[in-house]
Structures are given as structure tokens and as C-alpha cells.
PDB file of all heavy atoms in Angstrom:
ATOM      1  N   THR A   1       8.713 -24.559  42.704  1.00  0.00           N
ATOM      2  CA  THR A   1       8.693 -23.928  44.020  1.00  0.00           C
ATOM      3  C   THR A   1       9.099 -22.462  43.932  1.00  0.00           C
ATOM      4  O   THR A   1       8.485 -21.590  44.564  1.00  0.00           O
ATOM      5  CB  THR A   1       9.631 -24.687  44.982  1.00  0.00           C
ATOM      6  OG1 THR A   1       9.219 -26.059  45.054  1.00  0.00           O
ATOM      7  CG2 THR A   1       9.601 -24.079  46.372  1.00  0.00           C
ATOM      8  N   LEU A   2      10.116 -22.175  43.134  1.00  0.00           N
ATOM      9  CA  LEU A   2      10.540 -20.789  42.961  1.00  0.00           C
ATOM     10  C   LEU A   2       9.446 -19.961  42.281  1.00  0.00           C
ATOM     11  O   LEU A   2       9.225 -18.792  42.632  1.00  0.00           O
ATOM     12  CB  LEU A   2      11.823 -20.733  42.125  1.00  0.00           C
ATOM     13  CG  LEU A   2      13.084 -21.308  42.789  1.00  0.00           C
ATOM     14  CD1 LEU A   2      14.236 -21.354  41.795  1.00  0.00           C
ATOM     15  CD2 LEU A   2      13.470 -20.492  44.022  1.00  0.00           C
ATOM     16  N   THR A   3       8.751 -20.566  41.323  1.00  0.00           N
ATOM     17  CA  THR A   3       7.653 -19.852  40.650  1.00  0.00           C
ATOM     18  C   THR A   3       6.535 -19.540  41.627  1.00  0.00           C
ATOM     19  O   THR A   3       6.004 -18.416  41.661  1.00  0.00           O
ATOM     20  CB  THR A   3       7.110 -20.692  39.484  1.00  0.00           C
ATOM     21  OG1 THR A   3       8.156 -20.917  38.532  1.00  0.00           O
ATOM     22  CG2 THR A   3       5.953 -19.979  38.796  1.00  0.00           C
ATOM     23  N   ILE A   4       6.158 -20.511  42.447  1.00  0.00           N
ATOM     24  CA  ILE A   4       5.089 -20.297  43.426  1.00  0.00           C
ATOM     25  C   ILE A   4       5.513 -19.262  44.459  1.00  0.00           C
ATOM     26  O   ILE A   4       4.710 -18.417  44.884  1.00  0.00           O
ATOM     27  CB  ILE A   4       4.697 -21.638  44.085  1.00  0.00           C
ATOM     28  CG1 ILE A   4       4.022 -22.542  43.040  1.00  0.00           C
ATOM     29  CG2 ILE A   4       3.765 -21.421  45.278  1.00  0.00           C
ATOM     30  CD1 ILE A   4       3.731 -23.935  43.521  1.00  0.00           C
ATOM     31  N   ALA A   5       6.782 -19.307  44.858  1.00  0.00           N
ATOM     32  CA  ALA A   5       7.281 -18.282  45.785  1.00  0.00           C
ATOM     33  C   ALA A   5       7.177 -16.897  45.156  1.00  0.00           C
ATOM     34  O   ALA A   5       6.808 -15.912  45.826  1.00  0.00           O
ATOM     35  CB  ALA A   5       8.730 -18.589  46.164  1.00  0.00           C
ATOM     36  N   GLY A   6       7.471 -16.794  43.854  1.00  0.00           N
ATOM     37  CA  GLY A   6       7.333 -15.520  43.162  1.00  0.00           C
ATOM     38  C   GLY A   6       5.894 -15.036  43.133  1.00  0.00           C
ATOM     39  O   GLY A   6       5.624 -13.833  43.271  1.00  0.00           O
ATOM     40  N   ILE A   7       4.954 -15.966  42.975  1.00  0.00           N
ATOM     41  CA  ILE A   7       3.537 -15.598  42.992  1.00  0.00           C
ATOM     42  C   ILE A   7       3.155 -15.053  44.364  1.00  0.00           C
ATOM     43  O   ILE A   7       2.484 -14.017  44.482  1.00  0.00           O
ATOM     44  CB  ILE A   7       2.662 -16.816  42.631  1.00  0.00           C
ATOM     45  CG1 ILE A   7       2.925 -17.263  41.196  1.00  0.00           C
ATOM     46  CG2 ILE A   7       1.179 -16.491  42.809  1.00  0.00           C
ATOM     47  CD1 ILE A   7       2.282 -18.588  40.833  1.00  0.00           C
ATOM     48  N   VAL A   8       3.582 -15.746  45.405  1.00  0.00           N
ATOM     49  CA  VAL A   8       3.265 -15.319  46.772  1.00  0.00           C
ATOM     50  C   VAL A   8       3.849 -13.934  47.057  1.00  0.00           C
ATOM     51  O   VAL A   8       3.219 -13.100  47.728  1.00  0.00           O
ATOM     52  CB  VAL A   8       3.786 -16.354  47.792  1.00  0.00           C
ATOM     53  CG1 VAL A   8       3.622 -15.847  49.217  1.00  0.00           C
ATOM     54  CG2 VAL A   8       3.051 -17.687  47.617  1.00  0.00           C
ATOM     55  N   LEU A   9       5.040 -13.672  46.527  1.00  0.00           N
ATOM     56  CA  LEU A   9       5.704 -12.389  46.748  1.00  0.00           C
ATOM     57  C   LEU A   9       5.203 -11.292  45.812  1.00  0.00           C
ATOM     58  O   LEU A   9       5.675 -10.158  45.879  1.00  0.00           O
ATOM     59  CB  LEU A   9       7.215 -12.553  46.591  1.00  0.00           C
ATOM     60  CG  LEU A   9       7.898 -13.457  47.630  1.00  0.00           C
ATOM     61  CD1 LEU A   9       9.358 -13.675  47.278  1.00  0.00           C
ATOM     62  CD2 LEU A   9       7.758 -12.879  49.036  1.00  0.00           C
ATOM     63  N   GLY A  10       4.281 -11.637  44.920  1.00  0.00           N
ATOM     64  CA  GLY A  10       3.694 -10.640  44.038  1.00  0.00           C
ATOM     65  C   GLY A  10       4.530 -10.276  42.837  1.00  0.00           C
ATOM     66  O   GLY A  10       4.321  -9.222  42.226  1.00  0.00           O
ATOM     67  N   ARG A  11       5.460 -11.135  42.466  1.00  0.00           N
ATOM     68  CA  ARG A  11       6.295 -10.837  41.308  1.00  0.00           C
ATOM     69  C   ARG A  11       5.530 -11.133  40.026  1.00  0.00           C
ATOM     70  O   ARG A  11       4.867 -12.160  39.910  1.00  0.00           O
ATOM     71  CB  ARG A  11       7.578 -11.669  41.341  1.00  0.00           C
ATOM     72  CG  ARG A  11       8.490 -11.311  42.511  1.00  0.00           C
ATOM     73  CD  ARG A  11       9.696 -12.223  42.530  1.00  0.00           C
ATOM     74  NE  ARG A  11      10.563 -11.928  43.665  1.00  0.00           N
ATOM     75  CZ  ARG A  11      11.586 -12.689  44.043  1.00  0.00           C
ATOM     76  NH1 ARG A  11      11.863 -13.804  43.354  1.00  0.00           N
ATOM     77  NH2 ARG A  11      12.316 -12.365  45.084  1.00  0.00           N
ATOM     78  N   SER A  12       5.642 -10.241  39.052  1.00  0.00           N
ATOM     79  CA  SER A  12       4.978 -10.443  37.766  1.00  0.00           C
ATOM     80  C   SER A  12       5.941 -11.139  36.815  1.00  0.00           C
ATOM     81  O   SER A  12       7.136 -11.262  37.080  1.00  0.00           O
ATOM     82  CB  SER A  12       4.520  -9.108  37.177  1.00  0.00           C
ATOM     83  OG  SER A  12       5.640  -8.261  36.970  1.00  0.00           O
ATOM     84  N   ALA A  13       5.405 -11.585  35.691  1.00  0.00           N
ATOM     85  CA  ALA A  13       6.225 -12.261  34.684  1.00  0.00           C
ATOM     86  C   ALA A  13       5.707 -11.897  33.310  1.00  0.00           C
ATOM     87  O   ALA A  13       4.513 -11.711  33.105  1.00  0.00           O
ATOM     88  CB  ALA A  13       6.168 -13.776  34.891  1.00  0.00           C
ATOM     89  N   ASN A  14       6.620 -11.784  32.372  1.00  0.00           N
ATOM     90  CA  ASN A  14       6.255 -11.501  30.990  1.00  0.00           C
ATOM     91  C   ASN A  14       6.639 -12.684  30.121  1.00  0.00           C
ATOM     92  O   ASN A  14       7.671 -13.325  30.347  1.00  0.00           O
ATOM     93  CB  ASN A  14       6.971 -10.238  30.487  1.00  0.00           C
ATOM     94  CG  ASN A  14       6.506  -8.994  31.212  1.00  0.00           C
ATOM     95  OD1 ASN A  14       5.310  -8.782  31.384  1.00  0.00           O
ATOM     96  ND2 ASN A  14       7.463  -8.182  31.657  1.00  0.00           N
ATOM     97  N   TRP A  15       5.817 -12.966  29.106  1.00  0.00           N
ATOM     98  CA  TRP A  15       6.044 -14.132  28.270  1.00  0.00           C
ATOM     99  C   TRP A  15       6.271 -13.688  26.831  1.00  0.00           C
ATOM    100  O   TRP A  15       5.461 -12.990  26.242  1.00  0.00           O
ATOM    101  CB  TRP A  15       4.842 -15.079  28.333  1.00  0.00           C
ATOM    102  CG  TRP A  15       4.358 -15.312  29.726  1.00  0.00           C
ATOM    103  CD1 TRP A  15       3.169 -14.927  30.261  1.00  0.00           C
ATOM    104  CD2 TRP A  15       5.070 -15.961  30.781  1.00  0.00           C
ATOM    105  NE1 TRP A  15       3.095 -15.297  31.576  1.00  0.00           N
ATOM    106  CE2 TRP A  15       4.239 -15.931  31.928  1.00  0.00           C
ATOM    107  CE3 TRP A  15       6.321 -16.564  30.873  1.00  0.00           C
ATOM    108  CZ2 TRP A  15       4.618 -16.491  33.137  1.00  0.00           C
ATOM    109  CZ3 TRP A  15       6.703 -17.119  32.092  1.00  0.00           C
ATOM    110  CH2 TRP A  15       5.854 -17.072  33.198  1.00  0.00           C
ATOM    111  N   GLY A  16       7.371 -14.113  26.265  1.00  0.00           N
ATOM    112  CA  GLY A  16       7.636 -13.864  24.853  1.00  0.00           C
ATOM    113  C   GLY A  16       7.378 -15.131  24.058  1.00  0.00           C
ATOM    114  O   GLY A  16       6.816 -16.101  24.543  1.00  0.00           O
ATOM    115  N   ALA A  17       7.790 -15.112  22.801  1.00  0.00           N
ATOM    116  CA  ALA A  17       7.625 -16.285  21.948  1.00  0.00           C
ATOM    117  C   ALA A  17       8.535 -17.408  22.444  1.00  0.00           C
ATOM    118  O   ALA A  17       9.625 -17.167  22.977  1.00  0.00           O
ATOM    119  CB  ALA A  17       7.958 -15.939  20.507  1.00  0.00           C
ATOM    120  N   GLN A  18       8.081 -18.620  22.249  1.00  0.00           N
ATOM    121  CA  GLN A  18       8.876 -19.764  22.650  1.00  0.00           C
ATOM    122  C   GLN A  18       9.969 -20.034  21.625  1.00  0.00           C
ATOM    123  O   GLN A  18       9.777 -19.842  20.428  1.00  0.00           O
ATOM    124  CB  GLN A  18       7.985 -21.004  22.778  1.00  0.00           C
ATOM    125  CG  GLN A  18       6.929 -20.895  23.856  1.00  0.00           C
ATOM    126  CD  GLN A  18       6.108 -22.160  23.963  1.00  0.00           C
ATOM    127  OE1 GLN A  18       6.650 -23.255  24.036  1.00  0.00           O
ATOM    128  NE2 GLN A  18       4.794 -22.020  23.967  1.00  0.00           N
ATOM    129  N   MET A  19      11.115 -20.489  22.113  1.00  0.00           N
ATOM    130  CA  MET A  19      12.189 -20.921  21.221  1.00  0.00           C
ATOM    131  C   MET A  19      11.952 -22.396  20.912  1.00  0.00           C
ATOM    132  O   MET A  19      11.865 -23.224  21.828  1.00  0.00           O
ATOM    133  CB  MET A  19      13.550 -20.719  21.884  1.00  0.00           C
ATOM    134  CG  MET A  19      14.726 -20.993  20.966  1.00  0.00           C
ATOM    135  SD  MET A  19      16.306 -20.598  21.766  1.00  0.00           S
ATOM    136  CE  MET A  19      16.186 -18.823  21.897  1.00  0.00           C
ATOM    137  N   ARG A  20      11.852 -22.743  19.621  1.00  0.00           N
ATOM    138  CA  ARG A  20      11.434 -24.084  19.250  1.00  0.00           C
ATOM    139  C   ARG A  20      12.519 -24.901  18.563  1.00  0.00           C
ATOM    140  O   ARG A  20      12.419 -26.126  18.500  1.00  0.00           O
ATOM    141  CB  ARG A  20      10.198 -24.013  18.344  1.00  0.00           C
ATOM    142  CG  ARG A  20       9.037 -23.237  18.985  1.00  0.00           C
ATOM    143  CD  ARG A  20       7.768 -23.379  18.170  1.00  0.00           C
ATOM    144  NE  ARG A  20       6.720 -22.486  18.653  1.00  0.00           N
ATOM    145  CZ  ARG A  20       5.903 -22.755  19.664  1.00  0.00           C
ATOM    146  NH1 ARG A  20       6.032 -23.896  20.311  1.00  0.00           N
ATOM    147  NH2 ARG A  20       4.974 -21.892  20.034  1.00  0.00           N
ATOM    148  N   ASP A  21      13.555 -24.263  18.017  1.00  0.00           N
ATOM    149  CA  ASP A  21      14.590 -24.997  17.290  1.00  0.00           C
ATOM    150  C   ASP A  21      15.664 -25.508  18.246  1.00  0.00           C
ATOM    151  O   ASP A  21      16.009 -24.854  19.231  1.00  0.00           O
ATOM    152  CB  ASP A  21      15.233 -24.102  16.232  1.00  0.00           C
ATOM    153  CG  ASP A  21      14.263 -23.782  15.101  1.00  0.00           C
ATOM    154  OD1 ASP A  21      13.631 -24.715  14.598  1.00  0.00           O
ATOM    155  OD2 ASP A  21      14.140 -22.589  14.753  1.00  0.00           O
ATOM    156  N   ALA A  22      16.207 -26.688  17.925  1.00  0.00           N
ATOM    157  CA  ALA A  22      17.284 -27.259  18.724  1.00  0.00           C
ATOM    158  C   ALA A  22      18.511 -26.356  18.669  1.00  0.00           C
ATOM    159  O   ALA A  22      18.866 -25.832  17.611  1.00  0.00           O
ATOM    160  CB  ALA A  22      17.621 -28.653  18.206  1.00  0.00           C
ATOM    161  N   HIS A  23      19.161 -26.179  19.808  1.00  0.00           N
ATOM    162  CA  HIS A  23      20.338 -25.317  19.884  1.00  0.00           C
ATOM    163  C   HIS A  23      21.093 -25.660  21.159  1.00  0.00           C
ATOM    164  O   HIS A  23      20.543 -26.241  22.091  1.00  0.00           O
ATOM    165  CB  HIS A  23      19.933 -23.841  19.907  1.00  0.00           C
ATOM    166  CG  HIS A  23      19.087 -23.483  21.108  1.00  0.00           C
ATOM    167  ND1 HIS A  23      17.749 -23.715  21.151  1.00  0.00           N
ATOM    168  CD2 HIS A  23      19.418 -22.936  22.298  1.00  0.00           C
ATOM    169  CE1 HIS A  23      17.270 -23.334  22.329  1.00  0.00           C
ATOM    170  NE2 HIS A  23      18.264 -22.852  23.043  1.00  0.00           N
ATOM    171  N   GLY A  24      22.351 -25.294  21.201  1.00  0.00           N
ATOM    172  CA  GLY A  24      23.140 -25.525  22.389  1.00  0.00           C
ATOM    173  C   GLY A  24      22.880 -24.480  23.463  1.00  0.00           C
ATOM    174  O   GLY A  24      22.465 -23.358  23.173  1.00  0.00           O
ATOM    175  N   VAL A  25      23.104 -24.866  24.724  1.00  0.00           N
ATOM    176  CA  VAL A  25      22.973 -23.953  25.856  1.00  0.00           C
ATOM    177  C   VAL A  25      24.363 -23.744  26.456  1.00  0.00           C
ATOM    178  O   VAL A  25      24.970 -24.689  26.966  1.00  0.00           O
ATOM    179  CB  VAL A  25      22.010 -24.504  26.924  1.00  0.00           C
ATOM    180  CG1 VAL A  25      22.052 -23.650  28.187  1.00  0.00           C
ATOM    181  CG2 VAL A  25      20.588 -24.579  26.376  1.00  0.00           C
ATOM    182  N   PRO A  26      24.911 -22.519  26.407  1.00  0.00           N
ATOM    183  CA  PRO A  26      26.250 -22.282  26.961  1.00  0.00           C
ATOM    184  C   PRO A  26      26.233 -22.336  28.485  1.00  0.00           C
ATOM    185  O   PRO A  26      25.186 -22.201  29.129  1.00  0.00           O
ATOM    186  CB  PRO A  26      26.599 -20.888  26.453  1.00  0.00           C
ATOM    187  CG  PRO A  26      25.294 -20.230  26.175  1.00  0.00           C
ATOM    188  CD  PRO A  26      24.350 -21.323  25.760  1.00  0.00           C
ATOM    189  N   LEU A  27      27.429 -22.503  29.060  1.00  0.00           N
ATOM    190  CA  LEU A  27      27.576 -22.616  30.498  1.00  0.00           C
ATOM    191  C   LEU A  27      27.002 -21.395  31.212  1.00  0.00           C
ATOM    192  O   LEU A  27      26.310 -21.524  32.229  1.00  0.00           O
ATOM    193  CB  LEU A  27      29.059 -22.794  30.850  1.00  0.00           C
ATOM    194  CG  LEU A  27      29.415 -22.787  32.345  1.00  0.00           C
ATOM    195  CD1 LEU A  27      28.724 -23.942  33.069  1.00  0.00           C
ATOM    196  CD2 LEU A  27      30.931 -22.880  32.530  1.00  0.00           C
ATOM    197  N   ARG A  28      27.294 -20.203  30.693  1.00  0.00           N
ATOM    198  CA  ARG A  28      26.836 -18.983  31.365  1.00  0.00           C
ATOM    199  C   ARG A  28      25.304 -18.951  31.464  1.00  0.00           C
ATOM    200  O   ARG A  28      24.742 -18.624  32.508  1.00  0.00           O
ATOM    201  CB  ARG A  28      27.348 -17.750  30.626  1.00  0.00           C
ATOM    202  CG  ARG A  28      26.860 -16.443  31.212  1.00  0.00           C
ATOM    203  CD  ARG A  28      27.496 -15.248  30.532  1.00  0.00           C
ATOM    204  NE  ARG A  28      28.932 -15.193  30.777  1.00  0.00           N
ATOM    205  CZ  ARG A  28      29.718 -14.223  30.334  1.00  0.00           C
ATOM    206  NH1 ARG A  28      29.212 -13.221  29.613  1.00  0.00           N
ATOM    207  NH2 ARG A  28      31.006 -14.236  30.600  1.00  0.00           N
ATOM    208  N   ALA A  29      24.629 -19.295  30.371  1.00  0.00           N
ATOM    209  CA  ALA A  29      23.164 -19.270  30.375  1.00  0.00           C
ATOM    210  C   ALA A  29      22.601 -20.336  31.310  1.00  0.00           C
ATOM    211  O   ALA A  29      21.627 -20.098  32.039  1.00  0.00           O
ATOM    212  CB  ALA A  29      22.642 -19.476  28.956  1.00  0.00           C
ATOM    213  N   ALA A  30      23.217 -21.518  31.312  1.00  0.00           N
ATOM    214  CA  ALA A  30      22.743 -22.598  32.186  1.00  0.00           C
ATOM    215  C   ALA A  30      22.926 -22.224  33.653  1.00  0.00           C
ATOM    216  O   ALA A  30      22.036 -22.453  34.482  1.00  0.00           O
ATOM    217  CB  ALA A  30      23.483 -23.891  31.862  1.00  0.00           C
ATOM    218  N   PHE A  31      24.083 -21.653  33.969  1.00  0.00           N
ATOM    219  CA  PHE A  31      24.340 -21.289  35.368  1.00  0.00           C
ATOM    220  C   PHE A  31      23.432 -20.147  35.818  1.00  0.00           C
ATOM    221  O   PHE A  31      22.917 -20.153  36.943  1.00  0.00           O
ATOM    222  CB  PHE A  31      25.804 -20.894  35.561  1.00  0.00           C
ATOM    223  CG  PHE A  31      26.170 -20.622  36.988  1.00  0.00           C
ATOM    224  CD1 PHE A  31      26.391 -21.672  37.868  1.00  0.00           C
ATOM    225  CD2 PHE A  31      26.272 -19.320  37.465  1.00  0.00           C
ATOM    226  CE1 PHE A  31      26.709 -21.426  39.203  1.00  0.00           C
ATOM    227  CE2 PHE A  31      26.585 -19.064  38.792  1.00  0.00           C
ATOM    228  CZ  PHE A  31      26.804 -20.126  39.664  1.00  0.00           C
ATOM    229  N   ALA A  32      23.202 -19.169  34.941  1.00  0.00           N
ATOM    230  CA  ALA A  32      22.335 -18.041  35.293  1.00  0.00           C
ATOM    231  C   ALA A  32      20.928 -18.508  35.619  1.00  0.00           C
ATOM    232  O   ALA A  32      20.258 -17.936  36.486  1.00  0.00           O
ATOM    233  CB  ALA A  32      22.313 -17.027  34.146  1.00  0.00           C
ATOM    234  N   ARG A  33      20.472 -19.542  34.945  1.00  0.00           N
ATOM    235  CA  ARG A  33      19.103 -20.026  35.169  1.00  0.00           C
ATOM    236  C   ARG A  33      19.018 -21.011  36.327  1.00  0.00           C
ATOM    237  O   ARG A  33      18.031 -21.023  37.068  1.00  0.00           O
ATOM    238  CB  ARG A  33      18.590 -20.694  33.882  1.00  0.00           C
ATOM    239  CG  ARG A  33      17.179 -21.250  33.973  1.00  0.00           C
ATOM    240  CD  ARG A  33      16.174 -20.141  34.218  1.00  0.00           C
ATOM    241  NE  ARG A  33      14.811 -20.641  34.283  1.00  0.00           N
ATOM    242  CZ  ARG A  33      14.253 -21.167  35.372  1.00  0.00           C
ATOM    243  NH1 ARG A  33      14.979 -21.281  36.479  1.00  0.00           N
ATOM    244  NH2 ARG A  33      13.010 -21.575  35.365  1.00  0.00           N
ATOM    245  N   PHE A  34      20.065 -21.819  36.534  1.00  0.00           N
ATOM    246  CA  PHE A  34      19.931 -22.939  37.463  1.00  0.00           C
ATOM    247  C   PHE A  34      20.870 -22.876  38.661  1.00  0.00           C
ATOM    248  O   PHE A  34      21.021 -23.873  39.369  1.00  0.00           O
ATOM    249  CB  PHE A  34      20.143 -24.267  36.713  1.00  0.00           C
ATOM    250  CG  PHE A  34      19.074 -24.559  35.702  1.00  0.00           C
ATOM    251  CD1 PHE A  34      19.381 -24.612  34.348  1.00  0.00           C
ATOM    252  CD2 PHE A  34      17.763 -24.769  36.091  1.00  0.00           C
ATOM    253  CE1 PHE A  34      18.405 -24.878  33.401  1.00  0.00           C
ATOM    254  CE2 PHE A  34      16.769 -25.040  35.151  1.00  0.00           C
ATOM    255  CZ  PHE A  34      17.081 -25.085  33.812  1.00  0.00           C
ATOM    256  N   TRP A  35      21.453 -21.697  38.930  1.00  0.00           N
ATOM    257  CA  TRP A  35      22.309 -21.643  40.115  1.00  0.00           C
ATOM    258  C   TRP A  35      21.527 -21.873  41.408  1.00  0.00           C
ATOM    259  O   TRP A  35      22.072 -22.497  42.349  1.00  0.00           O
ATOM    260  CB  TRP A  35      23.083 -20.320  40.178  1.00  0.00           C
ATOM    261  CG  TRP A  35      22.252 -19.098  40.454  1.00  0.00           C
ATOM    262  CD1 TRP A  35      21.736 -18.226  39.547  1.00  0.00           C
ATOM    263  CD2 TRP A  35      21.830 -18.619  41.744  1.00  0.00           C
ATOM    264  NE1 TRP A  35      21.025 -17.241  40.165  1.00  0.00           N
ATOM    265  CE2 TRP A  35      21.060 -17.458  41.519  1.00  0.00           C
ATOM    266  CE3 TRP A  35      22.023 -19.051  43.052  1.00  0.00           C
ATOM    267  CZ2 TRP A  35      20.488 -16.736  42.556  1.00  0.00           C
ATOM    268  CZ3 TRP A  35      21.453 -18.343  44.098  1.00  0.00           C
ATOM    269  CH2 TRP A  35      20.693 -17.192  43.841  1.00  0.00           C
ATOM    270  N   PRO A  36      20.259 -21.424  41.542  1.00  0.00           N
ATOM    271  CA  PRO A  36      19.546 -21.746  42.790  1.00  0.00           C
ATOM    272  C   PRO A  36      19.354 -23.248  42.983  1.00  0.00           C
ATOM    273  O   PRO A  36      19.415 -23.750  44.120  1.00  0.00           O
ATOM    274  CB  PRO A  36      18.193 -21.037  42.616  1.00  0.00           C
ATOM    275  CG  PRO A  36      18.414 -19.996  41.575  1.00  0.00           C
ATOM    276  CD  PRO A  36      19.418 -20.587  40.650  1.00  0.00           C
ATOM    277  N   HIS A  37      19.150 -23.970  41.894  1.00  0.00           N
ATOM    278  CA  HIS A  37      18.982 -25.421  41.975  1.00  0.00           C
ATOM    279  C   HIS A  37      20.281 -26.071  42.444  1.00  0.00           C
ATOM    280  O   HIS A  37      20.271 -26.966  43.309  1.00  0.00           O
ATOM    281  CB  HIS A  37      18.589 -25.982  40.609  1.00  0.00           C
ATOM    282  CG  HIS A  37      17.384 -25.333  40.000  1.00  0.00           C
ATOM    283  ND1 HIS A  37      17.365 -24.004  39.619  1.00  0.00           N
ATOM    284  CD2 HIS A  37      16.161 -25.841  39.679  1.00  0.00           C
ATOM    285  CE1 HIS A  37      16.187 -23.716  39.115  1.00  0.00           C
ATOM    286  NE2 HIS A  37      15.440 -24.803  39.125  1.00  0.00           N
ATOM    287  N   THR A  38      21.394 -25.594  41.868  1.00  0.00           N
ATOM    288  CA  THR A  38      22.695 -26.138  42.256  1.00  0.00           C
ATOM    289  C   THR A  38      22.986 -25.872  43.727  1.00  0.00           C
ATOM    290  O   THR A  38      23.470 -26.762  44.457  1.00  0.00           O
ATOM    291  CB  THR A  38      23.803 -25.517  41.385  1.00  0.00           C
ATOM    292  OG1 THR A  38      23.498 -25.720  40.004  1.00  0.00           O
ATOM    293  CG2 THR A  38      25.154 -26.129  41.702  1.00  0.00           C
ATOM    294  N   LEU A  39      22.687 -24.663  44.185  1.00  0.00           N
ATOM    295  CA  LEU A  39      22.917 -24.312  45.587  1.00  0.00           C
ATOM    296  C   LEU A  39      22.084 -25.186  46.513  1.00  0.00           C
ATOM    297  O   LEU A  39      22.590 -25.682  47.538  1.00  0.00           O
ATOM    298  CB  LEU A  39      22.577 -22.838  45.801  1.00  0.00           C
ATOM    299  CG  LEU A  39      22.784 -22.288  47.214  1.00  0.00           C
ATOM    300  CD1 LEU A  39      24.244 -22.429  47.633  1.00  0.00           C
ATOM    301  CD2 LEU A  39      22.341 -20.835  47.299  1.00  0.00           C
ATOM    302  N   LEU A  40      20.835 -25.408  46.163  1.00  0.00           N
ATOM    303  CA  LEU A  40      19.985 -26.260  46.984  1.00  0.00           C
ATOM    304  C   LEU A  40      20.490 -27.705  46.977  1.00  0.00           C
ATOM    305  O   LEU A  40      20.486 -28.384  48.012  1.00  0.00           O
ATOM    306  CB  LEU A  40      18.547 -26.203  46.476  1.00  0.00           C
ATOM    307  CG  LEU A  40      17.493 -26.907  47.344  1.00  0.00           C
ATOM    308  CD1 LEU A  40      17.410 -26.259  48.718  1.00  0.00           C
ATOM    309  CD2 LEU A  40      16.124 -26.865  46.668  1.00  0.00           C
ATOM    310  N   GLY A  41      20.946 -28.163  45.808  1.00  0.00           N
ATOM    311  CA  GLY A  41      21.494 -29.514  45.733  1.00  0.00           C
ATOM    312  C   GLY A  41      22.749 -29.677  46.579  1.00  0.00           C
ATOM    313  O   GLY A  41      22.933 -30.707  47.251  1.00  0.00           O
TER     314      GLY A  41
END
């Protein structure tokens, strides 16, 4: 839904290489990406 809203608002996006190796996700990175989801929940 957020992606589609960005399309409607005309926001562009850039794509880099995908990260493929298993690794941990720190709290700061998780919160930065998913705080809108948490707020909606």
C-alpha cells in the first residue's frame, strides 16, 4: 500500500544490487523500515 501510494504521489525509486547472504537485522534498521507498519498496527 505504501509503494502504491508512492506511485500515485509520483515518487521515484532506485534499485541497487540485492543482498543475498544471511545476516542479522539490528533494531535500528528494522524500526527505520517498519515504523509505519507498527504505527498502523
